Amino acid sequence: SGPVPPFDLQRLNLGGSLFITRPSLAHYTRDRAELELRAGAVLGAVAAGRLRVRIGARFPLAQAAAAHRALEGRATTGKVLLLPG
């Protein structure tokens, strides 16, 4: 996510007929109802333990700025949680 860094598209010519794309979730769902259905399926799999989410870091909500710095600096892997209280 976030802004795409500059990239020389002519470099793709060296490899043949290559292309660059930036997919969006909106291209894969017809409408809000389908999005909610698919999100519910994923969250249900997480709740049932069929899909495990790797948590890479936990930050108190008061340290949200530090969490953002860690994300922006690519110092994290997995999900980053902000914890209330």
N, C-alpha and C. Protein backbone atom coordinates (compact mmCIF):
# COMPACT_ATOMS: atom_id res chain seq x y z
N SER A 1 0.83 -1.19 0.00
CA SER A 1 0.00 0.00 0.00
C SER A 1 0.87 1.24 0.00
N GLY A 2 0.27 2.35 -0.23
CA GLY A 2 1.01 3.60 -0.25
C GLY A 2 1.45 3.98 -1.64
N PRO A 3 2.17 5.07 -1.73
CA PRO A 3 2.61 5.53 -3.05
C PRO A 3 3.62 4.57 -3.68
N VAL A 4 3.55 4.48 -4.98
CA VAL A 4 4.46 3.61 -5.73
C VAL A 4 5.73 4.40 -6.01
N PRO A 5 6.89 3.83 -5.70
CA PRO A 5 8.14 4.55 -5.98
C PRO A 5 8.35 4.69 -7.49
N PRO A 6 9.11 5.67 -7.92
CA PRO A 6 9.38 5.84 -9.35
C PRO A 6 10.03 4.57 -9.92
N PHE A 7 9.65 4.26 -11.15
CA PHE A 7 10.15 3.06 -11.81
C PHE A 7 10.28 3.35 -13.29
N ASP A 8 11.42 3.02 -13.88
CA ASP A 8 11.66 3.23 -15.30
C ASP A 8 10.97 2.12 -16.09
N LEU A 9 9.85 2.42 -16.69
CA LEU A 9 9.09 1.41 -17.42
C LEU A 9 9.85 0.85 -18.61
N GLN A 10 10.82 1.57 -19.14
CA GLN A 10 11.62 1.07 -20.26
C GLN A 10 12.42 -0.17 -19.86
N ARG A 11 12.69 -0.35 -18.58
CA ARG A 11 13.42 -1.54 -18.12
C ARG A 11 12.65 -2.82 -18.46
N LEU A 12 11.32 -2.72 -18.54
CA LEU A 12 10.53 -3.90 -18.87
C LEU A 12 10.78 -4.37 -20.29
N ASN A 13 11.15 -3.47 -21.17
CA ASN A 13 11.42 -3.86 -22.56
C ASN A 13 12.56 -4.86 -22.66
N LEU A 14 13.49 -4.82 -21.74
CA LEU A 14 14.64 -5.74 -21.77
C LEU A 14 14.22 -7.19 -21.58
N GLY A 15 13.09 -7.40 -20.92
CA GLY A 15 12.64 -8.76 -20.65
C GLY A 15 11.59 -9.27 -21.62
N GLY A 16 11.25 -8.50 -22.61
CA GLY A 16 10.22 -8.93 -23.56
C GLY A 16 8.91 -8.20 -23.30
N SER A 17 7.82 -8.90 -23.54
CA SER A 17 6.49 -8.29 -23.40
C SER A 17 6.00 -8.39 -21.95
N LEU A 18 6.65 -7.66 -21.09
CA LEU A 18 6.27 -7.63 -19.68
C LEU A 18 5.42 -6.40 -19.41
N PHE A 19 4.69 -6.43 -18.35
CA PHE A 19 3.87 -5.28 -17.99
C PHE A 19 3.84 -5.13 -16.48
N ILE A 20 3.39 -3.99 -16.04
CA ILE A 20 3.28 -3.69 -14.62
C ILE A 20 1.83 -3.34 -14.32
N THR A 21 1.36 -3.79 -13.18
CA THR A 21 -0.03 -3.53 -12.80
C THR A 21 -0.11 -3.31 -11.29
N ARG A 22 -1.16 -2.68 -10.87
CA ARG A 22 -1.41 -2.49 -9.45
C ARG A 22 -2.85 -2.91 -9.18
N PRO A 23 -3.04 -4.16 -8.74
CA PRO A 23 -4.39 -4.65 -8.53
C PRO A 23 -5.08 -3.94 -7.37
N SER A 24 -6.38 -3.91 -7.45
CA SER A 24 -7.20 -3.31 -6.41
C SER A 24 -8.30 -4.29 -6.05
N LEU A 25 -8.63 -4.37 -4.79
CA LEU A 25 -9.69 -5.27 -4.35
C LEU A 25 -10.99 -5.00 -5.09
N ALA A 26 -11.23 -3.75 -5.44
CA ALA A 26 -12.47 -3.39 -6.14
C ALA A 26 -12.58 -4.08 -7.50
N HIS A 27 -11.47 -4.50 -8.08
CA HIS A 27 -11.50 -5.19 -9.37
C HIS A 27 -11.93 -6.65 -9.23
N TYR A 28 -11.97 -7.16 -8.01
CA TYR A 28 -12.26 -8.57 -7.79
C TYR A 28 -13.60 -8.81 -7.11
N THR A 29 -14.34 -7.76 -6.80
CA THR A 29 -15.66 -7.91 -6.19
C THR A 29 -16.66 -7.08 -6.99
N ARG A 30 -17.85 -7.64 -7.15
CA ARG A 30 -18.89 -6.96 -7.93
C ARG A 30 -19.49 -5.78 -7.17
N ASP A 31 -19.71 -5.98 -5.88
CA ASP A 31 -20.40 -4.95 -5.10
C ASP A 31 -20.09 -5.13 -3.62
N ARG A 32 -20.64 -4.27 -2.81
CA ARG A 32 -20.37 -4.29 -1.37
C ARG A 32 -20.84 -5.61 -0.74
N ALA A 33 -21.96 -6.14 -1.20
CA ALA A 33 -22.47 -7.39 -0.64
C ALA A 33 -21.48 -8.53 -0.85
N GLU A 34 -20.87 -8.60 -2.04
CA GLU A 34 -19.88 -9.65 -2.28
C GLU A 34 -18.64 -9.43 -1.41
N LEU A 35 -18.22 -8.19 -1.28
CA LEU A 35 -17.07 -7.88 -0.42
C LEU A 35 -17.33 -8.34 1.01
N GLU A 36 -18.52 -8.04 1.53
CA GLU A 36 -18.86 -8.44 2.90
C GLU A 36 -18.93 -9.96 3.03
N LEU A 37 -19.44 -10.64 2.02
CA LEU A 37 -19.51 -12.10 2.03
C LEU A 37 -18.11 -12.70 2.09
N ARG A 38 -17.22 -12.22 1.25
CA ARG A 38 -15.85 -12.74 1.22
C ARG A 38 -15.08 -12.40 2.49
N ALA A 39 -15.25 -11.18 2.99
CA ALA A 39 -14.58 -10.80 4.23
C ALA A 39 -15.09 -11.66 5.38
N GLY A 40 -16.39 -11.93 5.40
CA GLY A 40 -16.95 -12.80 6.44
C GLY A 40 -16.37 -14.20 6.39
N ALA A 41 -16.15 -14.71 5.19
CA ALA A 41 -15.55 -16.04 5.04
C ALA A 41 -14.13 -16.07 5.59
N VAL A 42 -13.36 -15.04 5.29
CA VAL A 42 -11.98 -14.97 5.78
C VAL A 42 -11.97 -14.85 7.31
N LEU A 43 -12.78 -13.94 7.84
CA LEU A 43 -12.81 -13.75 9.29
C LEU A 43 -13.34 -15.00 9.99
N GLY A 44 -14.27 -15.70 9.37
CA GLY A 44 -14.75 -16.95 9.93
C GLY A 44 -13.66 -18.01 9.98
N ALA A 45 -12.83 -18.07 8.94
CA ALA A 45 -11.71 -19.02 8.92
C ALA A 45 -10.69 -18.68 10.00
N VAL A 46 -10.46 -17.40 10.23
CA VAL A 46 -9.55 -16.99 11.31
C VAL A 46 -10.13 -17.41 12.65
N ALA A 47 -11.41 -17.11 12.87
CA ALA A 47 -12.06 -17.44 14.15
C ALA A 47 -12.07 -18.94 14.40
N ALA A 48 -12.21 -19.75 13.34
CA ALA A 48 -12.25 -21.20 13.49
C ALA A 48 -10.86 -21.83 13.57
N GLY A 49 -9.82 -21.04 13.39
CA GLY A 49 -8.46 -21.56 13.46
C GLY A 49 -7.98 -22.19 12.18
N ARG A 50 -8.74 -22.08 11.09
CA ARG A 50 -8.31 -22.65 9.81
C ARG A 50 -7.33 -21.75 9.08
N LEU A 51 -7.28 -20.50 9.47
CA LEU A 51 -6.36 -19.54 8.88
C LEU A 51 -5.66 -18.82 10.02
N ARG A 52 -4.37 -18.95 10.08
CA ARG A 52 -3.63 -18.31 11.17
C ARG A 52 -3.01 -17.02 10.68
N VAL A 53 -3.16 -16.00 11.49
CA VAL A 53 -2.63 -14.68 11.17
C VAL A 53 -1.36 -14.48 12.00
N ARG A 54 -0.27 -14.18 11.32
CA ARG A 54 0.99 -13.96 12.03
C ARG A 54 1.03 -12.52 12.53
N ILE A 55 1.16 -12.37 13.83
CA ILE A 55 1.25 -11.04 14.44
C ILE A 55 2.73 -10.73 14.63
N GLY A 56 3.18 -9.68 13.95
CA GLY A 56 4.60 -9.33 13.99
C GLY A 56 4.96 -8.37 15.10
N ALA A 57 4.01 -7.54 15.52
CA ALA A 57 4.30 -6.55 16.56
C ALA A 57 3.01 -6.08 17.20
N ARG A 58 3.13 -5.70 18.46
CA ARG A 58 2.01 -5.12 19.21
C ARG A 58 2.49 -3.80 19.80
N PHE A 59 1.67 -2.77 19.65
CA PHE A 59 1.99 -1.46 20.20
C PHE A 59 0.80 -0.95 21.00
N PRO A 60 1.04 -0.33 22.15
CA PRO A 60 -0.06 0.37 22.83
C PRO A 60 -0.56 1.48 21.91
N LEU A 61 -1.84 1.78 21.99
CA LEU A 61 -2.41 2.82 21.14
C LEU A 61 -1.67 4.13 21.30
N ALA A 62 -1.18 4.40 22.49
CA ALA A 62 -0.43 5.64 22.74
C ALA A 62 0.86 5.70 21.92
N GLN A 63 1.32 4.55 21.42
CA GLN A 63 2.54 4.50 20.61
C GLN A 63 2.23 4.28 19.13
N ALA A 64 1.06 4.76 18.69
CA ALA A 64 0.66 4.59 17.29
C ALA A 64 1.69 5.19 16.34
N ALA A 65 2.28 6.32 16.71
CA ALA A 65 3.28 6.94 15.83
C ALA A 65 4.48 6.02 15.66
N ALA A 66 4.90 5.35 16.73
CA ALA A 66 6.02 4.41 16.63
C ALA A 66 5.65 3.22 15.74
N ALA A 67 4.41 2.77 15.84
CA ALA A 67 3.95 1.67 14.99
C ALA A 67 4.00 2.08 13.52
N HIS A 68 3.56 3.30 13.23
CA HIS A 68 3.61 3.79 11.85
C HIS A 68 5.05 3.91 11.36
N ARG A 69 5.93 4.37 12.21
CA ARG A 69 7.35 4.46 11.81
C ARG A 69 7.90 3.08 11.49
N ALA A 70 7.55 2.09 12.31
CA ALA A 70 8.02 0.73 12.07
C ALA A 70 7.50 0.20 10.73
N LEU A 71 6.23 0.48 10.44
CA LEU A 71 5.66 0.05 9.15
C LEU A 71 6.33 0.76 7.99
N GLU A 72 6.44 2.08 8.11
CA GLU A 72 7.04 2.86 7.03
C GLU A 72 8.50 2.50 6.80
N GLY A 73 9.19 2.14 7.87
CA GLY A 73 10.60 1.77 7.76
C GLY A 73 10.81 0.31 7.40
N ARG A 74 9.71 -0.40 7.13
CA ARG A 74 9.77 -1.82 6.77
C ARG A 74 10.48 -2.65 7.83
N ALA A 75 10.25 -2.28 9.09
CA ALA A 75 10.88 -2.98 10.20
C ALA A 75 9.96 -4.05 10.79
N THR A 76 8.87 -4.35 10.12
CA THR A 76 7.91 -5.31 10.65
C THR A 76 7.63 -6.41 9.63
N THR A 77 7.19 -7.53 10.13
CA THR A 77 6.64 -8.60 9.29
C THR A 77 5.35 -9.04 9.96
N GLY A 78 4.44 -9.57 9.22
CA GLY A 78 3.16 -9.96 9.80
C GLY A 78 2.31 -8.74 10.11
N LYS A 79 1.27 -8.95 10.88
CA LYS A 79 0.35 -7.88 11.23
C LYS A 79 0.89 -7.06 12.39
N VAL A 80 0.55 -5.80 12.40
CA VAL A 80 0.91 -4.89 13.50
C VAL A 80 -0.39 -4.51 14.20
N LEU A 81 -0.45 -4.78 15.50
CA LEU A 81 -1.65 -4.49 16.27
C LEU A 81 -1.46 -3.25 17.13
N LEU A 82 -2.49 -2.42 17.19
CA LEU A 82 -2.55 -1.30 18.13
C LEU A 82 -3.52 -1.71 19.22
N LEU A 83 -3.03 -1.72 20.46
CA LEU A 83 -3.82 -2.21 21.59
C LEU A 83 -4.37 -1.05 22.41
N PRO A 84 -5.68 -1.04 22.69
CA PRO A 84 -6.24 0.03 23.51
C PRO A 84 -5.78 -0.08 24.96
N GLY A 85 -5.88 1.03 25.66
CA GLY A 85 -5.60 1.05 27.09
C GLY A 85 -4.17 1.01 27.39
